[in-house]
Amino acid sequence: MKVKIDPRIYPTRGGEVLEGNVYGNNRAPAFRDFRICVGVVDKVNGRHPWNCVVFIHVDAQGNVVGASRQPYNYVKDHWDLIGRVKKMPSMKIEWLQEGDRRKP
């Protein structure tokens, strides 16, 4: 998957964290990457101690290079919102059938 990146950046902080928000990474300028919010996970049955934000990491060339999960309030208060994804893709999974298994 490739991501098209427009280089003009006007960062802001605060506000609601939503799917499609794009955040910058100023902590490692030599390894400039961007983080795209793909989901906000609520605290569920004590499984997570706080609400979490799920990210995919994209480098400056548009390649997906990683993923992470961060606390919602930390992202809201400390990360620079630099953009939004215009149209979030959806994926459809095709499950393997019995005959699709590879033989050892």
PDB file of N, CA and C in Angstrom:
ATOM      1  N   MET A   1       0.851  -1.166   0.000  1.00  0.00           N
ATOM      2  CA  MET A   1       0.000   0.000   0.000  1.00  0.00           C
ATOM      3  C   MET A   1       0.893   1.223   0.000  1.00  0.00           C
ATOM      4  N   LYS A   2       0.548   2.239  -0.760  1.00  0.00           N
ATOM      5  CA  LYS A   2       1.258   3.509  -0.789  1.00  0.00           C
ATOM      6  C   LYS A   2       0.313   4.602  -0.295  1.00  0.00           C
ATOM      7  N   VAL A   3       0.880   5.629   0.285  1.00  0.00           N
ATOM      8  CA  VAL A   3       0.117   6.763   0.785  1.00  0.00           C
ATOM      9  C   VAL A   3       0.655   8.019   0.129  1.00  0.00           C
ATOM     10  N   LYS A   4      -0.218   8.829  -0.460  1.00  0.00           N
ATOM     11  CA  LYS A   4       0.211  10.081  -1.086  1.00  0.00           C
ATOM     12  C   LYS A   4       0.294  11.155  -0.009  1.00  0.00           C
ATOM     13  N   ILE A   5       1.452  11.828   0.077  1.00  0.00           N
ATOM     14  CA  ILE A   5       1.698  12.803   1.140  1.00  0.00           C
ATOM     15  C   ILE A   5       1.944  14.182   0.525  1.00  0.00           C
ATOM     16  N   ASP A   6       1.177  15.178   0.980  1.00  0.00           N
ATOM     17  CA  ASP A   6       1.376  16.567   0.569  1.00  0.00           C
ATOM     18  C   ASP A   6       2.280  17.215   1.604  1.00  0.00           C
ATOM     19  N   PRO A   7       3.397  17.853   1.214  1.00  0.00           N
ATOM     20  CA  PRO A   7       4.401  18.301   2.183  1.00  0.00           C
ATOM     21  C   PRO A   7       4.038  19.503   3.052  1.00  0.00           C
ATOM     22  N   ARG A   8       2.971  20.228   2.780  1.00  0.00           N
ATOM     23  CA  ARG A   8       2.649  21.395   3.613  1.00  0.00           C
ATOM     24  C   ARG A   8       2.059  20.952   4.942  1.00  0.00           C
ATOM     25  N   ILE A   9       2.660  21.377   6.049  1.00  0.00           N
ATOM     26  CA  ILE A   9       2.238  20.918   7.369  1.00  0.00           C
ATOM     27  C   ILE A   9       1.955  22.119   8.272  1.00  0.00           C
ATOM     28  N   TYR A  10       0.760  22.155   8.879  1.00  0.00           N
ATOM     29  CA  TYR A  10       0.364  23.197   9.825  1.00  0.00           C
ATOM     30  C   TYR A  10      -0.136  22.497  11.089  1.00  0.00           C
ATOM     31  N   PRO A  11       0.771  22.150  12.023  1.00  0.00           N
ATOM     32  CA  PRO A  11       0.383  21.326  13.178  1.00  0.00           C
ATOM     33  C   PRO A  11      -0.496  22.056  14.184  1.00  0.00           C
ATOM     34  N   THR A  12      -1.379  21.284  14.833  1.00  0.00           N
ATOM     35  CA  THR A  12      -2.195  21.775  15.943  1.00  0.00           C
ATOM     36  C   THR A  12      -2.210  20.708  17.027  1.00  0.00           C
ATOM     37  N   ARG A  13      -2.563  21.105  18.246  1.00  0.00           N
ATOM     38  CA  ARG A  13      -2.672  20.159  19.362  1.00  0.00           C
ATOM     39  C   ARG A  13      -4.027  20.292  20.007  1.00  0.00           C
ATOM     40  N   GLY A  14      -4.402  19.242  20.720  1.00  0.00           N
ATOM     41  CA  GLY A  14      -5.696  19.230  21.381  1.00  0.00           C
ATOM     42  C   GLY A  14      -6.776  18.766  20.420  1.00  0.00           C
ATOM     43  N   GLY A  15      -7.992  18.749  20.892  1.00  0.00           N
ATOM     44  CA  GLY A  15      -9.094  18.305  20.046  1.00  0.00           C
ATOM     45  C   GLY A  15      -9.278  16.804  20.107  1.00  0.00           C
ATOM     46  N   GLU A  16     -10.362  16.375  19.515  1.00  0.00           N
ATOM     47  CA  GLU A  16     -10.725  14.962  19.553  1.00  0.00           C
ATOM     48  C   GLU A  16      -9.827  14.142  18.636  1.00  0.00           C
ATOM     49  N   VAL A  17      -9.483  12.943  19.082  1.00  0.00           N
ATOM     50  CA  VAL A  17      -8.698  12.012  18.269  1.00  0.00           C
ATOM     51  C   VAL A  17      -9.692  11.143  17.502  1.00  0.00           C
ATOM     52  N   LEU A  18      -9.622  11.203  16.166  1.00  0.00           N
ATOM     53  CA  LEU A  18     -10.567  10.486  15.318  1.00  0.00           C
ATOM     54  C   LEU A  18      -9.852   9.588  14.321  1.00  0.00           C
ATOM     55  N   GLU A  19     -10.561   8.574  13.828  1.00  0.00           N
ATOM     56  CA  GLU A  19     -10.011   7.755  12.751  1.00  0.00           C
ATOM     57  C   GLU A  19      -9.715   8.652  11.560  1.00  0.00           C
ATOM     58  N   GLY A  20      -8.548   8.457  10.967  1.00  0.00           N
ATOM     59  CA  GLY A  20      -8.154   9.256   9.818  1.00  0.00           C
ATOM     60  C   GLY A  20      -7.264  10.435  10.166  1.00  0.00           C
ATOM     61  N   ASN A  21      -7.135  10.780  11.449  1.00  0.00           N
ATOM     62  CA  ASN A  21      -6.215  11.858  11.832  1.00  0.00           C
ATOM     63  C   ASN A  21      -4.779  11.430  11.537  1.00  0.00           C
ATOM     64  N   VAL A  22      -3.961  12.383  11.097  1.00  0.00           N
ATOM     65  CA  VAL A  22      -2.554  12.114  10.798  1.00  0.00           C
ATOM     66  C   VAL A  22      -1.708  12.957  11.746  1.00  0.00           C
ATOM     67  N   TYR A  23      -0.762  12.300  12.421  1.00  0.00           N
ATOM     68  CA  TYR A  23       0.106  12.961  13.385  1.00  0.00           C
ATOM     69  C   TYR A  23       1.549  12.866  12.916  1.00  0.00           C
ATOM     70  N   GLY A  24       2.343  13.899  13.240  1.00  0.00           N
ATOM     71  CA  GLY A  24       3.751  13.914  12.871  1.00  0.00           C
ATOM     72  C   GLY A  24       4.614  13.340  13.965  1.00  0.00           C
ATOM     73  N   ASN A  25       5.832  12.950  13.599  1.00  0.00           N
ATOM     74  CA  ASN A  25       6.805  12.435  14.565  1.00  0.00           C
ATOM     75  C   ASN A  25       8.000  13.367  14.553  1.00  0.00           C
ATOM     76  N   ASN A  26       8.080  14.271  15.511  1.00  0.00           N
ATOM     77  CA  ASN A  26       9.199  15.209  15.598  1.00  0.00           C
ATOM     78  C   ASN A  26      10.325  14.681  16.472  1.00  0.00           C
ATOM     79  N   ARG A  27      10.129  13.520  17.085  1.00  0.00           N
ATOM     80  CA  ARG A  27      11.128  12.999  18.006  1.00  0.00           C
ATOM     81  C   ARG A  27      12.341  12.425  17.287  1.00  0.00           C
ATOM     82  N   ALA A  28      12.183  12.046  16.019  1.00  0.00           N
ATOM     83  CA  ALA A  28      13.307  11.475  15.275  1.00  0.00           C
ATOM     84  C   ALA A  28      13.305  12.045  13.850  1.00  0.00           C
ATOM     85  N   PRO A  29      13.758  13.293  13.679  1.00  0.00           N
ATOM     86  CA  PRO A  29      13.666  13.930  12.373  1.00  0.00           C
ATOM     87  C   PRO A  29      14.425  13.199  11.266  1.00  0.00           C
ATOM     88  N   ALA A  30      15.471  12.463  11.614  1.00  0.00           N
ATOM     89  CA  ALA A  30      16.208  11.723  10.583  1.00  0.00           C
ATOM     90  C   ALA A  30      15.365  10.573  10.035  1.00  0.00           C
ATOM     91  N   PHE A  31      14.405  10.119  10.831  1.00  0.00           N
ATOM     92  CA  PHE A  31      13.527   9.034  10.410  1.00  0.00           C
ATOM     93  C   PHE A  31      12.099   9.545  10.369  1.00  0.00           C
ATOM     94  N   ARG A  32      11.868  10.607   9.612  1.00  0.00           N
ATOM     95  CA  ARG A  32      10.554  11.256   9.538  1.00  0.00           C
ATOM     96  C   ARG A  32       9.486  10.249   9.155  1.00  0.00           C
ATOM     97  N   ASP A  33       8.498  10.081  10.037  1.00  0.00           N
ATOM     98  CA  ASP A  33       7.358   9.266   9.680  1.00  0.00           C
ATOM     99  C   ASP A  33       6.092   9.928  10.190  1.00  0.00           C
ATOM    100  N   PHE A  34       4.998   9.455   9.698  1.00  0.00           N
ATOM    101  CA  PHE A  34       3.695   9.984  10.056  1.00  0.00           C
ATOM    102  C   PHE A  34       2.874   8.839  10.623  1.00  0.00           C
ATOM    103  N   ARG A  35       1.955   9.177  11.497  1.00  0.00           N
ATOM    104  CA  ARG A  35       1.124   8.167  12.133  1.00  0.00           C
ATOM    105  C   ARG A  35      -0.331   8.449  11.806  1.00  0.00           C
ATOM    106  N   ILE A  36      -0.984   7.444  11.240  1.00  0.00           N
ATOM    107  CA  ILE A  36      -2.373   7.576  10.830  1.00  0.00           C
ATOM    108  C   ILE A  36      -3.235   6.780  11.799  1.00  0.00           C
ATOM    109  N   CYS A  37      -4.215   7.445  12.400  1.00  0.00           N
ATOM    110  CA  CYS A  37      -5.128   6.785  13.328  1.00  0.00           C
ATOM    111  C   CYS A  37      -6.084   5.900  12.532  1.00  0.00           C
ATOM    112  N   VAL A  38      -6.071   4.596  12.827  1.00  0.00           N
ATOM    113  CA  VAL A  38      -6.975   3.673  12.153  1.00  0.00           C
ATOM    114  C   VAL A  38      -8.071   3.172  13.090  1.00  0.00           C
ATOM    115  N   GLY A  39      -7.999   3.552  14.361  1.00  0.00           N
ATOM    116  CA  GLY A  39      -9.050   3.148  15.289  1.00  0.00           C
ATOM    117  C   GLY A  39      -8.849   3.703  16.678  1.00  0.00           C
ATOM    118  N   VAL A  40      -9.957   3.907  17.373  1.00  0.00           N
ATOM    119  CA  VAL A  40      -9.930   4.322  18.777  1.00  0.00           C
ATOM    120  C   VAL A  40     -10.624   3.209  19.558  1.00  0.00           C
ATOM    121  N   VAL A  41      -9.887   2.606  20.510  1.00  0.00           N
ATOM    122  CA  VAL A  41     -10.376   1.459  21.270  1.00  0.00           C
ATOM    123  C   VAL A  41     -10.737   1.915  22.675  1.00  0.00           C
ATOM    124  N   ASP A  42     -12.001   1.708  23.061  1.00  0.00           N
ATOM    125  CA  ASP A  42     -12.438   2.052  24.415  1.00  0.00           C
ATOM    126  C   ASP A  42     -11.959   1.008  25.404  1.00  0.00           C
ATOM    127  N   LYS A  43     -11.893   1.420  26.680  1.00  0.00           N
ATOM    128  CA  LYS A  43     -11.595   0.473  27.743  1.00  0.00           C
ATOM    129  C   LYS A  43     -12.676  -0.599  27.742  1.00  0.00           C
ATOM    130  N   VAL A  44     -12.277  -1.863  27.625  1.00  0.00           N
ATOM    131  CA  VAL A  44     -13.261  -2.939  27.552  1.00  0.00           C
ATOM    132  C   VAL A  44     -12.952  -3.982  28.623  1.00  0.00           C
ATOM    133  N   ASN A  45     -13.850  -4.118  29.587  1.00  0.00           N
ATOM    134  CA  ASN A  45     -13.744  -5.159  30.623  1.00  0.00           C
ATOM    135  C   ASN A  45     -12.377  -5.204  31.298  1.00  0.00           C
ATOM    136  N   GLY A  46     -11.728  -4.063  31.475  1.00  0.00           N
ATOM    137  CA  GLY A  46     -10.433  -4.016  32.130  1.00  0.00           C
ATOM    138  C   GLY A  46      -9.291  -4.553  31.277  1.00  0.00           C
ATOM    139  N   ARG A  47      -9.555  -4.855  30.015  1.00  0.00           N
ATOM    140  CA  ARG A  47      -8.507  -5.392  29.146  1.00  0.00           C
ATOM    141  C   ARG A  47      -7.417  -4.359  28.893  1.00  0.00           C
ATOM    142  N   HIS A  48      -7.807  -3.107  28.758  1.00  0.00           N
ATOM    143  CA  HIS A  48      -6.856  -2.006  28.609  1.00  0.00           C
ATOM    144  C   HIS A  48      -7.053  -1.062  29.786  1.00  0.00           C
ATOM    145  N   PRO A  49      -5.980  -0.550  30.363  1.00  0.00           N
ATOM    146  CA  PRO A  49      -6.149   0.349  31.511  1.00  0.00           C
ATOM    147  C   PRO A  49      -6.645   1.747  31.117  1.00  0.00           C
ATOM    148  N   TRP A  50      -6.651   2.062  29.809  1.00  0.00           N
ATOM    149  CA  TRP A  50      -7.108   3.367  29.339  1.00  0.00           C
ATOM    150  C   TRP A  50      -7.623   3.216  27.919  1.00  0.00           C
ATOM    151  N   ASN A  51      -8.300   4.251  27.428  1.00  0.00           N
ATOM    152  CA  ASN A  51      -8.712   4.258  26.032  1.00  0.00           C
ATOM    153  C   ASN A  51      -7.461   4.378  25.171  1.00  0.00           C
ATOM    154  N   CYS A  52      -7.414   3.653  24.064  1.00  0.00           N
ATOM    155  CA  CYS A  52      -6.219   3.598  23.230  1.00  0.00           C
ATOM    156  C   CYS A  52      -6.509   4.054  21.806  1.00  0.00           C
ATOM    157  N   VAL A  53      -5.458   4.497  21.137  1.00  0.00           N
ATOM    158  CA  VAL A  53      -5.520   4.874  19.733  1.00  0.00           C
ATOM    159  C   VAL A  53      -4.580   3.942  18.976  1.00  0.00           C
ATOM    160  N   VAL A  54      -5.065   3.355  17.884  1.00  0.00           N
ATOM    161  CA  VAL A  54      -4.277   2.427  17.080  1.00  0.00           C
ATOM    162  C   VAL A  54      -3.795   3.168  15.836  1.00  0.00           C
ATOM    163  N   PHE A  55      -2.485   3.056  15.564  1.00  0.00           N
ATOM    164  CA  PHE A  55      -1.875   3.780  14.444  1.00  0.00           C
ATOM    165  C   PHE A  55      -1.190   2.837  13.476  1.00  0.00           C
ATOM    166  N   ILE A  56      -1.135   3.247  12.196  1.00  0.00           N
ATOM    167  CA  ILE A  56      -0.152   2.688  11.275  1.00  0.00           C
ATOM    168  C   ILE A  56       0.861   3.793  11.026  1.00  0.00           C
ATOM    169  N   HIS A  57       2.132   3.412  10.859  1.00  0.00           N
ATOM    170  CA  HIS A  57       3.206   4.372  10.641  1.00  0.00           C
ATOM    171  C   HIS A  57       3.546   4.370   9.150  1.00  0.00           C
ATOM    172  N   VAL A  58       3.678   5.558   8.588  1.00  0.00           N
ATOM    173  CA  VAL A  58       3.968   5.727   7.168  1.00  0.00           C
ATOM    174  C   VAL A  58       5.199   6.603   7.045  1.00  0.00           C
ATOM    175  N   ASP A  59       6.180   6.187   6.213  1.00  0.00           N
ATOM    176  CA  ASP A  59       7.379   7.012   6.038  1.00  0.00           C
ATOM    177  C   ASP A  59       7.126   8.124   5.015  1.00  0.00           C
ATOM    178  N   ALA A  60       8.120   8.971   4.792  1.00  0.00           N
ATOM    179  CA  ALA A  60       7.974  10.132   3.913  1.00  0.00           C
ATOM    180  C   ALA A  60       7.734   9.749   2.458  1.00  0.00           C
ATOM    181  N   GLN A  61       8.053   8.506   2.074  1.00  0.00           N
ATOM    182  CA  GLN A  61       7.802   8.053   0.706  1.00  0.00           C
ATOM    183  C   GLN A  61       6.426   7.413   0.563  1.00  0.00           C
ATOM    184  N   GLY A  62       5.687   7.294   1.663  1.00  0.00           N
ATOM    185  CA  GLY A  62       4.346   6.726   1.617  1.00  0.00           C
ATOM    186  C   GLY A  62       4.277   5.242   1.876  1.00  0.00           C
ATOM    187  N   ASN A  63       5.373   4.634   2.328  1.00  0.00           N
ATOM    188  CA  ASN A  63       5.387   3.203   2.634  1.00  0.00           C
ATOM    189  C   ASN A  63       4.935   2.959   4.066  1.00  0.00           C
ATOM    190  N   VAL A  64       4.133   1.937   4.279  1.00  0.00           N
ATOM    191  CA  VAL A  64       3.734   1.559   5.633  1.00  0.00           C
ATOM    192  C   VAL A  64       4.930   0.874   6.286  1.00  0.00           C
ATOM    193  N   VAL A  65       5.384   1.403   7.447  1.00  0.00           N
ATOM    194  CA  VAL A  65       6.601   0.899   8.081  1.00  0.00           C
ATOM    195  C   VAL A  65       6.397   0.373   9.500  1.00  0.00           C
ATOM    196  N   GLY A  66       5.178   0.412  10.013  1.00  0.00           N
ATOM    197  CA  GLY A  66       4.966  -0.098  11.355  1.00  0.00           C
ATOM    198  C   GLY A  66       3.574   0.209  11.870  1.00  0.00           C
ATOM    199  N   ALA A  67       3.357  -0.134  13.125  1.00  0.00           N
ATOM    200  CA  ALA A  67       2.075   0.094  13.781  1.00  0.00           C
ATOM    201  C   ALA A  67       2.316   0.240  15.280  1.00  0.00           C
ATOM    202  N   SER A  68       1.387   0.885  15.967  1.00  0.00           N
ATOM    203  CA  SER A  68       1.513   1.026  17.414  1.00  0.00           C
ATOM    204  C   SER A  68       0.163   1.353  18.033  1.00  0.00           C
ATOM    205  N   ARG A  69       0.151   1.338  19.356  1.00  0.00           N
ATOM    206  CA  ARG A  69      -1.024   1.724  20.130  1.00  0.00           C
ATOM    207  C   ARG A  69      -0.556   2.683  21.214  1.00  0.00           C
ATOM    208  N   GLN A  70      -1.284   3.777  21.397  1.00  0.00           N
ATOM    209  CA  GLN A  70      -0.914   4.802  22.375  1.00  0.00           C
ATOM    210  C   GLN A  70      -2.143   5.197  23.197  1.00  0.00           C
ATOM    211  N   PRO A  71      -1.935   5.719  24.417  1.00  0.00           N
ATOM    212  CA  PRO A  71      -3.059   6.195  25.234  1.00  0.00           C
ATOM    213  C   PRO A  71      -3.744   7.398  24.583  1.00  0.00           C
ATOM    214  N   TYR A  72      -5.071   7.401  24.594  1.00  0.00           N
ATOM    215  CA  TYR A  72      -5.878   8.445  23.952  1.00  0.00           C
ATOM    216  C   TYR A  72      -5.508   9.839  24.455  1.00  0.00           C
ATOM    217  N   ASN A  73      -5.506  10.035  25.773  1.00  0.00           N
ATOM    218  CA  ASN A  73      -5.250  11.376  26.324  1.00  0.00           C
ATOM    219  C   ASN A  73      -3.842  11.866  26.016  1.00  0.00           C
ATOM    220  N   TYR A  74      -2.868  10.984  25.985  1.00  0.00           N
ATOM    221  CA  TYR A  74      -1.501  11.383  25.659  1.00  0.00           C
ATOM    222  C   TYR A  74      -1.431  11.894  24.219  1.00  0.00           C
ATOM    223  N   VAL A  75      -2.067  11.178  23.310  1.00  0.00           N
ATOM    224  CA  VAL A  75      -2.075  11.603  21.906  1.00  0.00           C
ATOM    225  C   VAL A  75      -2.761  12.959  21.780  1.00  0.00           C
ATOM    226  N   LYS A  76      -3.917  13.098  22.414  1.00  0.00           N
ATOM    227  CA  LYS A  76      -4.691  14.341  22.331  1.00  0.00           C
ATOM    228  C   LYS A  76      -3.902  15.543  22.844  1.00  0.00           C
ATOM    229  N   ASP A  77      -3.181  15.376  23.938  1.00  0.00           N
ATOM    230  CA  ASP A  77      -2.511  16.505  24.591  1.00  0.00           C
ATOM    231  C   ASP A  77      -1.080  16.757  24.132  1.00  0.00           C
ATOM    232  N   HIS A  78      -0.391  15.760  23.558  1.00  0.00           N
ATOM    233  CA  HIS A  78       1.036  15.905  23.295  1.00  0.00           C
ATOM    234  C   HIS A  78       1.465  15.717  21.843  1.00  0.00           C
ATOM    235  N   TRP A  79       0.594  15.207  20.975  1.00  0.00           N
ATOM    236  CA  TRP A  79       0.998  14.946  19.602  1.00  0.00           C
ATOM    237  C   TRP A  79       0.483  16.038  18.677  1.00  0.00           C
ATOM    238  N   ASP A  80       1.229  16.310  17.606  1.00  0.00           N
ATOM    239  CA  ASP A  80       0.863  17.338  16.642  1.00  0.00           C
ATOM    240  C   ASP A  80      -0.009  16.755  15.538  1.00  0.00           C
ATOM    241  N   LEU A  81      -1.268  17.198  15.482  1.00  0.00           N
ATOM    242  CA  LEU A  81      -2.170  16.811  14.408  1.00  0.00           C
ATOM    243  C   LEU A  81      -1.781  17.617  13.176  1.00  0.00           C
ATOM    244  N   ILE A  82      -1.434  16.924  12.091  1.00  0.00           N
ATOM    245  CA  ILE A  82      -0.963  17.637  10.899  1.00  0.00           C
ATOM    246  C   ILE A  82      -1.867  17.439   9.681  1.00  0.00           C
ATOM    247  N   GLY A  83      -2.855  16.554   9.775  1.00  0.00           N
ATOM    248  CA  GLY A  83      -3.745  16.352   8.636  1.00  0.00           C
ATOM    249  C   GLY A  83      -4.786  15.293   8.910  1.00  0.00           C
ATOM    250  N   ARG A  84      -5.589  15.024   7.876  1.00  0.00           N
ATOM    251  CA  ARG A  84      -6.622  13.993   7.957  1.00  0.00           C
ATOM    252  C   ARG A  84      -6.652  13.215   6.653  1.00  0.00           C
ATOM    253  N   VAL A  85      -6.962  11.948   6.740  1.00  0.00           N
ATOM    254  CA  VAL A  85      -7.121  11.116   5.551  1.00  0.00           C
ATOM    255  C   VAL A  85      -8.471  11.466   4.924  1.00  0.00           C
ATOM    256  N   LYS A  86      -8.474  11.736   3.627  1.00  0.00           N
ATOM    257  CA  LYS A  86      -9.714  12.121   2.950  1.00  0.00           C
ATOM    258  C   LYS A  86     -10.709  10.966   2.874  1.00  0.00           C
ATOM    259  N   LYS A  87     -10.209   9.765   2.571  1.00  0.00           N
ATOM    260  CA  LYS A  87     -11.099   8.610   2.459  1.00  0.00           C
ATOM    261  C   LYS A  87     -10.391   7.401   3.044  1.00  0.00           C
ATOM    262  N   MET A  88     -10.902   6.889   4.164  1.00  0.00           N
ATOM    263  CA  MET A  88     -10.301   5.716   4.794  1.00  0.00           C
ATOM    264  C   MET A  88     -10.732   4.476   4.029  1.00  0.00           C
ATOM    265  N   PRO A  89      -9.768   3.603   3.712  1.00  0.00           N
ATOM    266  CA  PRO A  89     -10.138   2.370   3.010  1.00  0.00           C
ATOM    267  C   PRO A  89     -10.766   1.354   3.960  1.00  0.00           C
ATOM    268  N   SER A  90     -11.459   0.411   3.369  1.00  0.00           N
ATOM    269  CA  SER A  90     -11.949  -0.717   4.153  1.00  0.00           C
ATOM    270  C   SER A  90     -11.378  -1.979   3.517  1.00  0.00           C
ATOM    271  N   MET A  91     -11.273  -3.028   4.309  1.00  0.00           N
ATOM    272  CA  MET A  91     -10.706  -4.280   3.823  1.00  0.00           C
ATOM    273  C   MET A  91     -11.721  -5.386   3.997  1.00  0.00           C
ATOM    274  N   LYS A  92     -11.713  -6.330   3.072  1.00  0.00           N
ATOM    275  CA  LYS A  92     -12.563  -7.509   3.188  1.00  0.00           C
ATOM    276  C   LYS A  92     -11.651  -8.721   3.243  1.00  0.00           C
ATOM    277  N   ILE A  93     -11.852  -9.569   4.243  1.00  0.00           N
ATOM    278  CA  ILE A  93     -11.015 -10.744   4.439  1.00  0.00           C
ATOM    279  C   ILE A  93     -11.663 -11.933   3.736  1.00  0.00           C
ATOM    280  N   GLU A  94     -10.857 -12.658   2.981  1.00  0.00           N
ATOM    281  CA  GLU A  94     -11.293 -13.908   2.380  1.00  0.00           C
ATOM    282  C   GLU A  94     -10.666 -15.020   3.209  1.00  0.00           C
ATOM    283  N   TRP A  95     -11.490 -15.774   3.926  1.00  0.00           N
ATOM    284  CA  TRP A  95     -10.986 -16.804   4.816  1.00  0.00           C
ATOM    285  C   TRP A  95     -10.560 -18.026   4.015  1.00  0.00           C
ATOM    286  N   LEU A  96      -9.462 -18.657   4.428  1.00  0.00           N
ATOM    287  CA  LEU A  96      -8.981 -19.865   3.773  1.00  0.00           C
ATOM    288  C   LEU A  96      -9.939 -21.029   4.035  1.00  0.00           C
ATOM    289  N   GLN A  97     -10.104 -21.851   3.049  1.00  0.00           N
ATOM    290  CA  GLN A  97     -10.941 -23.037   3.160  1.00  0.00           C
ATOM    291  C   GLN A  97     -10.065 -24.252   3.445  1.00  0.00           C
ATOM    292  N   GLU A  98     -10.676 -25.375   3.728  1.00  0.00           N
ATOM    293  CA  GLU A  98      -9.935 -26.597   4.042  1.00  0.00           C
ATOM    294  C   GLU A  98      -8.943 -26.962   2.943  1.00  0.00           C
ATOM    295  N   GLY A  99      -9.326 -26.859   1.690  1.00  0.00           N
ATOM    296  CA  GLY A  99      -8.460 -27.210   0.577  1.00  0.00           C
ATOM    297  C   GLY A  99      -7.352 -26.208   0.288  1.00  0.00           C
ATOM    298  N   ASP A 100      -7.404 -25.011   0.927  1.00  0.00           N
ATOM    299  CA  ASP A 100      -6.403 -23.964   0.686  1.00  0.00           C
ATOM    300  C   ASP A 100      -5.156 -24.136   1.525  1.00  0.00           C
ATOM    301  N   ARG A 101      -5.164 -25.040   2.478  1.00  0.00           N
ATOM    302  CA  ARG A 101      -3.992 -25.232   3.347  1.00  0.00           C
ATOM    303  C   ARG A 101      -2.835 -25.796   2.573  1.00  0.00           C
ATOM    304  N   ARG A 102      -1.641 -25.328   2.917  1.00  0.00           N
ATOM    305  CA  ARG A 102      -0.437 -25.883   2.289  1.00  0.00           C
ATOM    306  C   ARG A 102      -0.087 -27.197   2.968  1.00  0.00           C
ATOM    307  N   LYS A 103       0.332 -28.135   2.173  1.00  0.00           N
ATOM    308  CA  LYS A 103       0.718 -29.442   2.704  1.00  0.00           C
ATOM    309  C   LYS A 103       2.183 -29.389   3.181  1.00  0.00           C
ATOM    310  N   PRO A 104       2.481 -30.017   4.351  1.00  0.00           N
ATOM    311  CA  PRO A 104       3.869 -29.985   4.850  1.00  0.00           C
ATOM    312  C   PRO A 104       4.792 -30.817   3.996  1.00  0.00           C
TER     313      PRO A 104
END
